[in-house]
């Protein structure tokens, strides 16, 4: 047997008030009711029952039989539910039309707002580690001509299939993918194996004695870098995404200077392997 509370809730969702739902569910239990009988059976205040019944009748959900005492009967439930649904569909169609117009109006304002720049709107400070990883993936995914990277521990993404895919794509298009690693990375066989995969994909890789910070330069105009707290050290860092050609050009000069004094990765790896033997 169906739960009356569930039925009331269902009818309310279709647009009835709770009193209307309770009245209708009582009406379907027998052929007809006088208003006073219905108020008692449904638990509806007598001062409200006529308003409730008039609403049901006007919406085609109930019918009245005039006489010495007017009696009320429920409309067939299938027909009643279909009427309620029709009203909801009409309201939804109107809402959809209104929403389309509203979205168009808001987009016009939004597009105009893109032209209004705020101070430092080319700088994004990232405090959530998850957001840093997301922005790094964005740079790799969206880069078309170049990806220049300083790789420094701790490594946020030890496994980076998206970066490997980006390397192949950019190199095959004639672009430039290079990375400068710090020497400690040579002590991790798993990371070394992945770097060799990147080299096979076309990455230029070198090892430098000093890698100043984490950095990813994409297409010469976007830079994601991490600044270590000078007091807390590696325990705390500030991550910044910048789209500013003057700054990214300076960072690229720094990259090229360190690249020039770096040692090819394979040579550094071979030397490390010999010294460990």
C-alpha atoms as a PDB file:
ATOM      1  CA  UNK A   1       0.000   0.000   0.000  1.00  0.00           C
ATOM      2  CA  UNK A   2       1.352   3.396  -0.990  1.00  0.00           C
ATOM      3  CA  UNK A   3       2.525   5.762   1.727  1.00  0.00           C
ATOM      4  CA  UNK A   4       0.102   8.757   1.918  1.00  0.00           C
ATOM      5  CA  UNK A   5       2.968  11.085   2.805  1.00  0.00           C
ATOM      6  CA  UNK A   6       4.815  10.021  -0.340  1.00  0.00           C
ATOM      7  CA  UNK A   7       1.684  10.633  -2.414  1.00  0.00           C
ATOM      8  CA  UNK A   8       1.202  14.079  -0.878  1.00  0.00           C
ATOM      9  CA  UNK A   9       4.818  14.912  -1.650  1.00  0.00           C
ATOM     10  CA  UNK A  10       4.420  13.719  -5.242  1.00  0.00           C
ATOM     11  CA  UNK A  11       1.346  15.865  -5.830  1.00  0.00           C
ATOM     12  CA  UNK A  12       3.042  18.871  -4.239  1.00  0.00           C
ATOM     13  CA  UNK A  13       5.945  18.409  -6.663  1.00  0.00           C
ATOM     14  CA  UNK A  14       3.429  18.537  -9.505  1.00  0.00           C
ATOM     15  CA  UNK A  15       2.119  21.900  -8.332  1.00  0.00           C
ATOM     16  CA  UNK A  16      -0.547  21.257  -5.673  1.00  0.00           C
ATOM     17  CA  UNK A  17      -0.442  22.810  -2.217  1.00  0.00           C
ATOM     18  CA  UNK A  18      -0.330  20.384   0.692  1.00  0.00           C
ATOM     19  CA  UNK A  19      -3.977  21.061   1.539  1.00  0.00           C
ATOM     20  CA  UNK A  20      -4.977  20.480  -2.094  1.00  0.00           C
ATOM     21  CA  UNK A  21      -2.993  17.233  -2.177  1.00  0.00           C
ATOM     22  CA  UNK A  22      -4.578  15.998   1.058  1.00  0.00           C
ATOM     23  CA  UNK A  23      -8.058  16.960  -0.172  1.00  0.00           C
ATOM     24  CA  UNK A  24      -7.571  15.195  -3.528  1.00  0.00           C
ATOM     25  CA  UNK A  25      -6.210  12.030  -1.899  1.00  0.00           C
ATOM     26  CA  UNK A  26      -9.264  11.963   0.352  1.00  0.00           C
ATOM     27  CA  UNK A  27     -11.681  12.638  -2.533  1.00  0.00           C
ATOM     28  CA  UNK A  28     -10.475   9.593  -4.488  1.00  0.00           C
ATOM     29  CA  UNK A  29     -11.378   7.309  -1.587  1.00  0.00           C
ATOM     30  CA  UNK A  30     -15.126   7.413  -2.342  1.00  0.00           C
ATOM     31  CA  UNK A  31     -17.645   8.729  -4.833  1.00  0.00           C
ATOM     32  CA  UNK A  32     -18.224  12.182  -3.315  1.00  0.00           C
ATOM     33  CA  UNK A  33     -17.915  14.329  -0.217  1.00  0.00           C
ATOM     34  CA  UNK A  34     -19.630  17.353   1.225  1.00  0.00           C
ATOM     35  CA  UNK A  35     -17.186  20.096   2.139  1.00  0.00           C
ATOM     36  CA  UNK A  36     -17.571  19.559   5.877  1.00  0.00           C
ATOM     37  CA  UNK A  37     -17.057  15.803   5.509  1.00  0.00           C
ATOM     38  CA  UNK A  38     -13.939  16.357   3.454  1.00  0.00           C
ATOM     39  CA  UNK A  39     -12.501  18.831   5.962  1.00  0.00           C
ATOM     40  CA  UNK A  40     -12.908  16.278   8.758  1.00  0.00           C
ATOM     41  CA  UNK A  41     -11.539  13.335   6.761  1.00  0.00           C
ATOM     42  CA  UNK A  42      -8.577  15.195   5.265  1.00  0.00           C
ATOM     43  CA  UNK A  43      -7.638  17.148   8.386  1.00  0.00           C
ATOM     44  CA  UNK A  44      -8.066  20.516   6.692  1.00  0.00           C
ATOM     45  CA  UNK A  45      -9.280  23.554   8.690  1.00  0.00           C
ATOM     46  CA  UNK A  46     -12.957  24.284   7.886  1.00  0.00           C
ATOM     47  CA  UNK A  47     -12.155  27.924   7.140  1.00  0.00           C
ATOM     48  CA  UNK A  48      -9.810  26.745   4.357  1.00  0.00           C
ATOM     49  CA  UNK A  49     -11.762  23.887   2.812  1.00  0.00           C
ATOM     50  CA  UNK A  50     -13.829  25.960   0.347  1.00  0.00           C
ATOM     51  CA  UNK A  51     -10.756  27.768  -0.979  1.00  0.00           C
ATOM     52  CA  UNK A  52      -9.043  24.405  -1.459  1.00  0.00           C
ATOM     53  CA  UNK A  53     -12.067  22.868  -3.217  1.00  0.00           C
ATOM     54  CA  UNK A  54     -12.614  25.902  -5.456  1.00  0.00           C
ATOM     55  CA  UNK A  55      -8.962  25.690  -6.549  1.00  0.00           C
ATOM     56  CA  UNK A  56      -9.247  21.977  -7.346  1.00  0.00           C
ATOM     57  CA  UNK A  57     -12.455  22.507  -9.336  1.00  0.00           C
ATOM     58  CA  UNK A  58     -11.110  25.497 -11.273  1.00  0.00           C
ATOM     59  CA  UNK A  59      -8.038  23.493 -12.283  1.00  0.00           C
ATOM     60  CA  UNK A  60     -10.073  20.491 -13.423  1.00  0.00           C
ATOM     61  CA  UNK A  61      -8.821  18.266 -10.628  1.00  0.00           C
ATOM     62  CA  UNK A  62     -12.247  17.876  -9.015  1.00  0.00           C
ATOM     63  CA  UNK A  63     -15.893  18.539  -9.952  1.00  0.00           C
ATOM     64  CA  UNK A  64     -18.841  19.781  -7.880  1.00  0.00           C
ATOM     65  CA  UNK A  65     -22.458  18.641  -7.876  1.00  0.00           C
ATOM     66  CA  UNK A  66     -24.762  21.491  -6.838  1.00  0.00           C
ATOM     67  CA  UNK A  67     -27.760  20.600  -4.694  1.00  0.00           C
ATOM     68  CA  UNK A  68     -29.168  21.286  -1.242  1.00  0.00           C
ATOM     69  CA  UNK A  69     -25.630  20.395  -0.126  1.00  0.00           C
ATOM     70  CA  UNK A  70     -22.913  20.723  -2.752  1.00  0.00           C
ATOM     71  CA  UNK A  71     -20.865  17.585  -3.078  1.00  0.00           C
ATOM     72  CA  UNK A  72     -17.417  17.154  -4.561  1.00  0.00           C
ATOM     73  CA  UNK A  73     -15.744  14.300  -6.440  1.00  0.00           C
ATOM     74  CA  UNK A  74     -12.209  13.759  -7.682  1.00  0.00           C
ATOM     75  CA  UNK A  75     -11.272  13.813 -11.360  1.00  0.00           C
ATOM     76  CA  UNK A  76      -9.798  10.555 -12.652  1.00  0.00           C
ATOM     77  CA  UNK A  77      -6.202  10.420 -11.337  1.00  0.00           C
ATOM     78  CA  UNK A  78      -4.631   9.873 -14.760  1.00  0.00           C
ATOM     79  CA  UNK A  79      -6.420  12.913 -16.153  1.00  0.00           C
ATOM     80  CA  UNK A  80      -5.592  14.944 -13.035  1.00  0.00           C
ATOM     81  CA  UNK A  81      -1.891  14.093 -13.171  1.00  0.00           C
ATOM     82  CA  UNK A  82      -1.781  14.848 -16.906  1.00  0.00           C
ATOM     83  CA  UNK A  83      -3.337  18.288 -16.272  1.00  0.00           C
ATOM     84  CA  UNK A  84      -0.731  18.993 -13.584  1.00  0.00           C
ATOM     85  CA  UNK A  85       2.049  17.859 -15.895  1.00  0.00           C
ATOM     86  CA  UNK A  86       0.756  20.038 -18.719  1.00  0.00           C
ATOM     87  CA  UNK A  87       0.956  23.086 -16.462  1.00  0.00           C
ATOM     88  CA  UNK A  88       4.505  22.141 -15.439  1.00  0.00           C
ATOM     89  CA  UNK A  89       5.527  21.648 -19.068  1.00  0.00           C
ATOM     90  CA  UNK A  90       4.111  25.033 -19.999  1.00  0.00           C
ATOM     91  CA  UNK A  91       5.925  26.671 -17.096  1.00  0.00           C
ATOM     92  CA  UNK A  92       9.165  24.898 -18.051  1.00  0.00           C
ATOM     93  CA  UNK A  93       8.847  26.021 -21.665  1.00  0.00           C
ATOM     94  CA  UNK A  94       8.334  29.596 -20.517  1.00  0.00           C
ATOM     95  CA  UNK A  95      11.305  29.310 -18.160  1.00  0.00           C
ATOM     96  CA  UNK A  96      13.482  27.889 -20.939  1.00  0.00           C
ATOM     97  CA  UNK A  97      12.568  30.765 -23.258  1.00  0.00           C
ATOM     98  CA  UNK A  98      13.186  33.303 -20.521  1.00  0.00           C
ATOM     99  CA  UNK A  99      16.496  31.645 -19.603  1.00  0.00           C
ATOM    100  CA  UNK A 100      17.686  31.766 -23.216  1.00  0.00           C
ATOM    101  CA  UNK A 101      16.937  35.490 -23.416  1.00  0.00           C
ATOM    102  CA  UNK A 102      18.529  36.067 -20.009  1.00  0.00           C
ATOM    103  CA  UNK A 103      21.674  34.139 -20.950  1.00  0.00           C
ATOM    104  CA  UNK A 104      22.001  36.201 -24.132  1.00  0.00           C
ATOM    105  CA  UNK A 105      21.648  39.451 -22.188  1.00  0.00           C
ATOM    106  CA  UNK A 106      24.139  38.342 -19.544  1.00  0.00           C
ATOM    107  CA  UNK A 107      26.616  37.194 -22.173  1.00  0.00           C
ATOM    108  CA  UNK A 108      26.563  40.637 -23.805  1.00  0.00           C
ATOM    109  CA  UNK A 109      27.456  42.178 -20.448  1.00  0.00           C
ATOM    110  CA  UNK A 110      30.050  39.467 -19.777  1.00  0.00           C
ATOM    111  CA  UNK A 111      31.690  39.994 -23.194  1.00  0.00           C
ATOM    112  CA  UNK A 112      31.868  43.728 -22.603  1.00  0.00           C
ATOM    113  CA  UNK A 113      33.347  43.054 -19.189  1.00  0.00           C
ATOM    114  CA  UNK A 114      36.238  41.104 -20.749  1.00  0.00           C
ATOM    115  CA  UNK A 115      37.450  44.434 -22.098  1.00  0.00           C
ATOM    116  CA  UNK A 116      37.576  45.953 -18.612  1.00  0.00           C
ATOM    117  CA  UNK A 117      40.875  44.844 -17.095  1.00  0.00           C
ATOM    118  CA  UNK A 118      41.690  45.071 -13.421  1.00  0.00           C
ATOM    119  CA  UNK A 119      45.144  45.638 -11.908  1.00  0.00           C
ATOM    120  CA  UNK A 120      47.179  42.407 -11.875  1.00  0.00           C
ATOM    121  CA  UNK A 121      44.493  40.449 -13.702  1.00  0.00           C
ATOM    122  CA  UNK A 122      47.409  38.724 -15.486  1.00  0.00           C
ATOM    123  CA  UNK A 123      48.554  37.183 -12.179  1.00  0.00           C
ATOM    124  CA  UNK A 124      46.896  34.235 -10.423  1.00  0.00           C
ATOM    125  CA  UNK A 125      48.139  33.159  -6.986  1.00  0.00           C
ATOM    126  CA  UNK A 126      47.497  29.465  -6.391  1.00  0.00           C
ATOM    127  CA  UNK A 127      47.325  28.270  -2.808  1.00  0.00           C
ATOM    128  CA  UNK A 128      45.550  24.941  -3.308  1.00  0.00           C
ATOM    129  CA  UNK A 129      48.000  22.164  -4.348  1.00  0.00           C
ATOM    130  CA  UNK A 130      45.241  20.583  -6.411  1.00  0.00           C
ATOM    131  CA  UNK A 131      44.794  23.829  -8.341  1.00  0.00           C
ATOM    132  CA  UNK A 132      48.543  24.018  -9.004  1.00  0.00           C
ATOM    133  CA  UNK A 133      48.420  20.575 -10.586  1.00  0.00           C
ATOM    134  CA  UNK A 134      45.360  21.567 -12.624  1.00  0.00           C
ATOM    135  CA  UNK A 135      47.058  24.702 -13.976  1.00  0.00           C
ATOM    136  CA  UNK A 136      50.197  22.708 -14.846  1.00  0.00           C
ATOM    137  CA  UNK A 137      48.062  20.257 -16.806  1.00  0.00           C
ATOM    138  CA  UNK A 138      46.364  23.191 -18.551  1.00  0.00           C
ATOM    139  CA  UNK A 139      49.726  24.588 -19.658  1.00  0.00           C
ATOM    140  CA  UNK A 140      50.779  21.239 -21.082  1.00  0.00           C
ATOM    141  CA  UNK A 141      47.437  20.654 -22.782  1.00  0.00           C
ATOM    142  CA  UNK A 142      47.247  24.123 -24.350  1.00  0.00           C
ATOM    143  CA  UNK A 143      50.895  24.672 -25.320  1.00  0.00           C
ATOM    144  CA  UNK A 144      51.448  24.714 -29.085  1.00  0.00           C
ATOM    145  CA  UNK A 145      55.030  25.866 -29.737  1.00  0.00           C
ATOM    146  CA  UNK A 146      57.156  25.361 -26.640  1.00  0.00           C
ATOM    147  CA  UNK A 147      57.371  24.007 -23.103  1.00  0.00           C
ATOM    148  CA  UNK A 148      60.419  24.956 -21.054  1.00  0.00           C
ATOM    149  CA  UNK A 149      60.616  23.537 -17.544  1.00  0.00           C
ATOM    150  CA  UNK A 150      62.725  23.689 -14.398  1.00  0.00           C
ATOM    151  CA  UNK A 151      62.142  20.422 -12.532  1.00  0.00           C
ATOM    152  CA  UNK A 152      62.814  20.680  -8.817  1.00  0.00           C
ATOM    153  CA  UNK A 153      61.781  18.555  -5.841  1.00  0.00           C
ATOM    154  CA  UNK A 154      59.323  17.917  -4.373  1.00  0.00           C
ATOM    155  CA  UNK A 155      57.823  16.661  -7.617  1.00  0.00           C
ATOM    156  CA  UNK A 156      54.057  17.278  -7.755  1.00  0.00           C
ATOM    157  CA  UNK A 157      53.400  14.931 -10.699  1.00  0.00           C
ATOM    158  CA  UNK A 158      55.799  11.912 -10.688  1.00  0.00           C
ATOM    159  CA  UNK A 159      53.699  10.296 -13.421  1.00  0.00           C
ATOM    160  CA  UNK A 160      52.771  12.653 -16.220  1.00  0.00           C
ATOM    161  CA  UNK A 161      51.191  10.956 -19.268  1.00  0.00           C
ATOM    162  CA  UNK A 162      49.617  14.246 -20.330  1.00  0.00           C
ATOM    163  CA  UNK A 163      53.068  15.841 -20.439  1.00  0.00           C
ATOM    164  CA  UNK A 164      54.406  12.948 -22.512  1.00  0.00           C
ATOM    165  CA  UNK A 165      51.555  13.366 -24.985  1.00  0.00           C
ATOM    166  CA  UNK A 166      52.156  17.144 -25.132  1.00  0.00           C
ATOM    167  CA  UNK A 167      55.871  16.564 -25.760  1.00  0.00           C
ATOM    168  CA  UNK A 168      55.208  14.311 -28.741  1.00  0.00           C
ATOM    169  CA  UNK A 169      52.612  16.704 -30.152  1.00  0.00           C
ATOM    170  CA  UNK A 170      54.759  19.829 -29.859  1.00  0.00           C
ATOM    171  CA  UNK A 171      57.959  18.164 -31.134  1.00  0.00           C
ATOM    172  CA  UNK A 172      56.176  16.601 -34.099  1.00  0.00           C
ATOM    173  CA  UNK A 173      54.897  20.073 -34.994  1.00  0.00           C
ATOM    174  CA  UNK A 174      58.469  21.417 -34.966  1.00  0.00           C
ATOM    175  CA  UNK A 175      58.239  22.952 -31.506  1.00  0.00           C
ATOM    176  CA  UNK A 176      60.646  23.089 -28.583  1.00  0.00           C
ATOM    177  CA  UNK A 177      60.310  20.994 -25.413  1.00  0.00           C
ATOM    178  CA  UNK A 178      63.166  21.145 -22.923  1.00  0.00           C
ATOM    179  CA  UNK A 179      63.598  20.486 -19.226  1.00  0.00           C
ATOM    180  CA  UNK A 180      66.407  21.192 -16.762  1.00  0.00           C
ATOM    181  CA  UNK A 181      66.620  18.746 -13.842  1.00  0.00           C
ATOM    182  CA  UNK A 182      68.471  18.960 -10.555  1.00  0.00           C
ATOM    183  CA  UNK A 183      71.075  16.206  -9.844  1.00  0.00           C
ATOM    184  CA  UNK A 184      69.097  14.530  -7.036  1.00  0.00           C
ATOM    185  CA  UNK A 185      66.600  13.269  -9.578  1.00  0.00           C
ATOM    186  CA  UNK A 186      69.243  10.829 -10.863  1.00  0.00           C
ATOM    187  CA  UNK A 187      68.907   8.859  -7.606  1.00  0.00           C
ATOM    188  CA  UNK A 188      65.317   7.845  -8.308  1.00  0.00           C
ATOM    189  CA  UNK A 189      65.235   4.959 -10.853  1.00  0.00           C
ATOM    190  CA  UNK A 190      61.473   5.269 -11.396  1.00  0.00           C
ATOM    191  CA  UNK A 191      61.662   8.971 -12.237  1.00  0.00           C
ATOM    192  CA  UNK A 192      64.754   8.417 -14.392  1.00  0.00           C
ATOM    193  CA  UNK A 193      62.868   5.796 -16.418  1.00  0.00           C
ATOM    194  CA  UNK A 194      60.057   8.288 -17.054  1.00  0.00           C
ATOM    195  CA  UNK A 195      62.503  11.036 -18.059  1.00  0.00           C
ATOM    196  CA  UNK A 196      64.063   8.671 -20.594  1.00  0.00           C
ATOM    197  CA  UNK A 197      60.579   8.172 -22.055  1.00  0.00           C
ATOM    198  CA  UNK A 198      60.256  11.959 -22.390  1.00  0.00           C
ATOM    199  CA  UNK A 199      63.653  12.089 -24.116  1.00  0.00           C
ATOM    200  CA  UNK A 200      62.524   9.405 -26.568  1.00  0.00           C
ATOM    201  CA  UNK A 201      59.442  11.523 -27.253  1.00  0.00           C
ATOM    202  CA  UNK A 202      61.676  14.454 -28.218  1.00  0.00           C
ATOM    203  CA  UNK A 203      62.348  16.339 -24.995  1.00  0.00           C
ATOM    204  CA  UNK A 204      65.719  17.999 -24.621  1.00  0.00           C
ATOM    205  CA  UNK A 205      66.952  17.258 -21.100  1.00  0.00           C
ATOM    206  CA  UNK A 206      69.884  18.555 -19.102  1.00  0.00           C
ATOM    207  CA  UNK A 207      71.041  18.436 -15.493  1.00  0.00           C
ATOM    208  CA  UNK A 208      72.233  21.585 -13.725  1.00  0.00           C
ATOM    209  CA  UNK A 209      73.908  21.808 -10.333  1.00  0.00           C
ATOM    210  CA  UNK A 210      71.501  24.553  -9.277  1.00  0.00           C
ATOM    211  CA  UNK A 211      67.846  24.728 -10.346  1.00  0.00           C
ATOM    212  CA  UNK A 212      66.541  27.953  -8.785  1.00  0.00           C
ATOM    213  CA  UNK A 213      62.827  27.150  -8.652  1.00  0.00           C
ATOM    214  CA  UNK A 214      60.004  25.139 -10.162  1.00  0.00           C
ATOM    215  CA  UNK A 215      59.029  26.681 -13.478  1.00  0.00           C
ATOM    216  CA  UNK A 216      56.985  25.873 -16.569  1.00  0.00           C
ATOM    217  CA  UNK A 217      57.046  28.299 -19.514  1.00  0.00           C
ATOM    218  CA  UNK A 218      54.434  27.705 -22.211  1.00  0.00           C
ATOM    219  CA  UNK A 219      54.666  29.297 -25.666  1.00  0.00           C
ATOM    220  CA  UNK A 220      56.795  32.127 -24.299  1.00  0.00           C
ATOM    221  CA  UNK A 221      53.913  34.014 -22.722  1.00  0.00           C
ATOM    222  CA  UNK A 222      52.564  31.943 -19.822  1.00  0.00           C
ATOM    223  CA  UNK A 223      54.582  30.958 -16.772  1.00  0.00           C
ATOM    224  CA  UNK A 224      53.765  28.838 -13.752  1.00  0.00           C
ATOM    225  CA  UNK A 225      56.383  29.025 -11.034  1.00  0.00           C
ATOM    226  CA  UNK A 226      56.851  28.333  -7.350  1.00  0.00           C
ATOM    227  CA  UNK A 227      58.611  30.653  -4.911  1.00  0.00           C
ATOM    228  CA  UNK A 228      59.872  28.968  -1.749  1.00  0.00           C
ATOM    229  CA  UNK A 229      59.362  30.882   1.483  1.00  0.00           C
ATOM    230  CA  UNK A 230      62.813  32.318   2.367  1.00  0.00           C
ATOM    231  CA  UNK A 231      62.210  31.636   6.065  1.00  0.00           C
ATOM    232  CA  UNK A 232      60.188  28.414   6.131  1.00  0.00           C
ATOM    233  CA  UNK A 233      62.164  26.980   3.221  1.00  0.00           C
ATOM    234  CA  UNK A 234      60.739  24.022   1.300  1.00  0.00           C
ATOM    235  CA  UNK A 235      57.923  23.647   3.821  1.00  0.00           C
ATOM    236  CA  UNK A 236      56.032  26.613   2.354  1.00  0.00           C
ATOM    237  CA  UNK A 237      55.838  28.000  -1.166  1.00  0.00           C
ATOM    238  CA  UNK A 238      53.774  30.444  -3.182  1.00  0.00           C
ATOM    239  CA  UNK A 239      52.662  29.297  -6.623  1.00  0.00           C
ATOM    240  CA  UNK A 240      51.980  31.900  -9.287  1.00  0.00           C
ATOM    241  CA  UNK A 241      50.574  31.745 -12.817  1.00  0.00           C
ATOM    242  CA  UNK A 242      51.491  34.770 -14.936  1.00  0.00           C
ATOM    243  CA  UNK A 243      50.571  35.845 -18.445  1.00  0.00           C
ATOM    244  CA  UNK A 244      52.960  38.753 -19.015  1.00  0.00           C
ATOM    245  CA  UNK A 245      55.365  38.792 -21.948  1.00  0.00           C
ATOM    246  CA  UNK A 246      58.005  40.991 -20.288  1.00  0.00           C
ATOM    247  CA  UNK A 247      58.278  38.680 -17.286  1.00  0.00           C
ATOM    248  CA  UNK A 248      58.139  35.451 -19.296  1.00  0.00           C
ATOM    249  CA  UNK A 249      60.848  36.764 -21.615  1.00  0.00           C
ATOM    250  CA  UNK A 250      63.083  37.396 -18.602  1.00  0.00           C
ATOM    251  CA  UNK A 251      62.363  33.929 -17.240  1.00  0.00           C
ATOM    252  CA  UNK A 252      63.204  32.420 -20.623  1.00  0.00           C
ATOM    253  CA  UNK A 253      66.566  34.242 -20.580  1.00  0.00           C
ATOM    254  CA  UNK A 254      67.238  32.695 -17.167  1.00  0.00           C
ATOM    255  CA  UNK A 255      66.280  29.276 -18.522  1.00  0.00           C
ATOM    256  CA  UNK A 256      68.625  29.637 -21.509  1.00  0.00           C
ATOM    257  CA  UNK A 257      71.505  30.730 -19.276  1.00  0.00           C
ATOM    258  CA  UNK A 258      71.166  27.645 -17.054  1.00  0.00           C
ATOM    259  CA  UNK A 259      70.563  25.407 -20.071  1.00  0.00           C
ATOM    260  CA  UNK A 260      73.864  26.586 -21.547  1.00  0.00           C
ATOM    261  CA  UNK A 261      75.851  25.370 -18.535  1.00  0.00           C
ATOM    262  CA  UNK A 262      73.819  22.216 -17.944  1.00  0.00           C
ATOM    263  CA  UNK A 263      75.009  18.689 -18.712  1.00  0.00           C
ATOM    264  CA  UNK A 264      73.068  16.468 -21.139  1.00  0.00           C
ATOM    265  CA  UNK A 265      70.855  14.157 -19.091  1.00  0.00           C
ATOM    266  CA  UNK A 266      72.202  10.889 -20.538  1.00  0.00           C
ATOM    267  CA  UNK A 267      75.805  11.986 -19.837  1.00  0.00           C
ATOM    268  CA  UNK A 268      74.949  12.985 -16.270  1.00  0.00           C
ATOM    269  CA  UNK A 269      73.142   9.667 -15.753  1.00  0.00           C
ATOM    270  CA  UNK A 270      76.077   7.654 -17.121  1.00  0.00           C
ATOM    271  CA  UNK A 271      78.531   9.539 -14.893  1.00  0.00           C
ATOM    272  CA  UNK A 272      76.311   8.968 -11.840  1.00  0.00           C
ATOM    273  CA  UNK A 273      76.008   5.261 -12.691  1.00  0.00           C
ATOM    274  CA  UNK A 274      79.813   4.881 -13.013  1.00  0.00           C
ATOM    275  CA  UNK A 275      80.442   6.647  -9.726  1.00  0.00           C
ATOM    276  CA  UNK A 276      77.925   4.396  -7.958  1.00  0.00           C
ATOM    277  CA  UNK A 277      79.381   1.192  -9.395  1.00  0.00           C
END
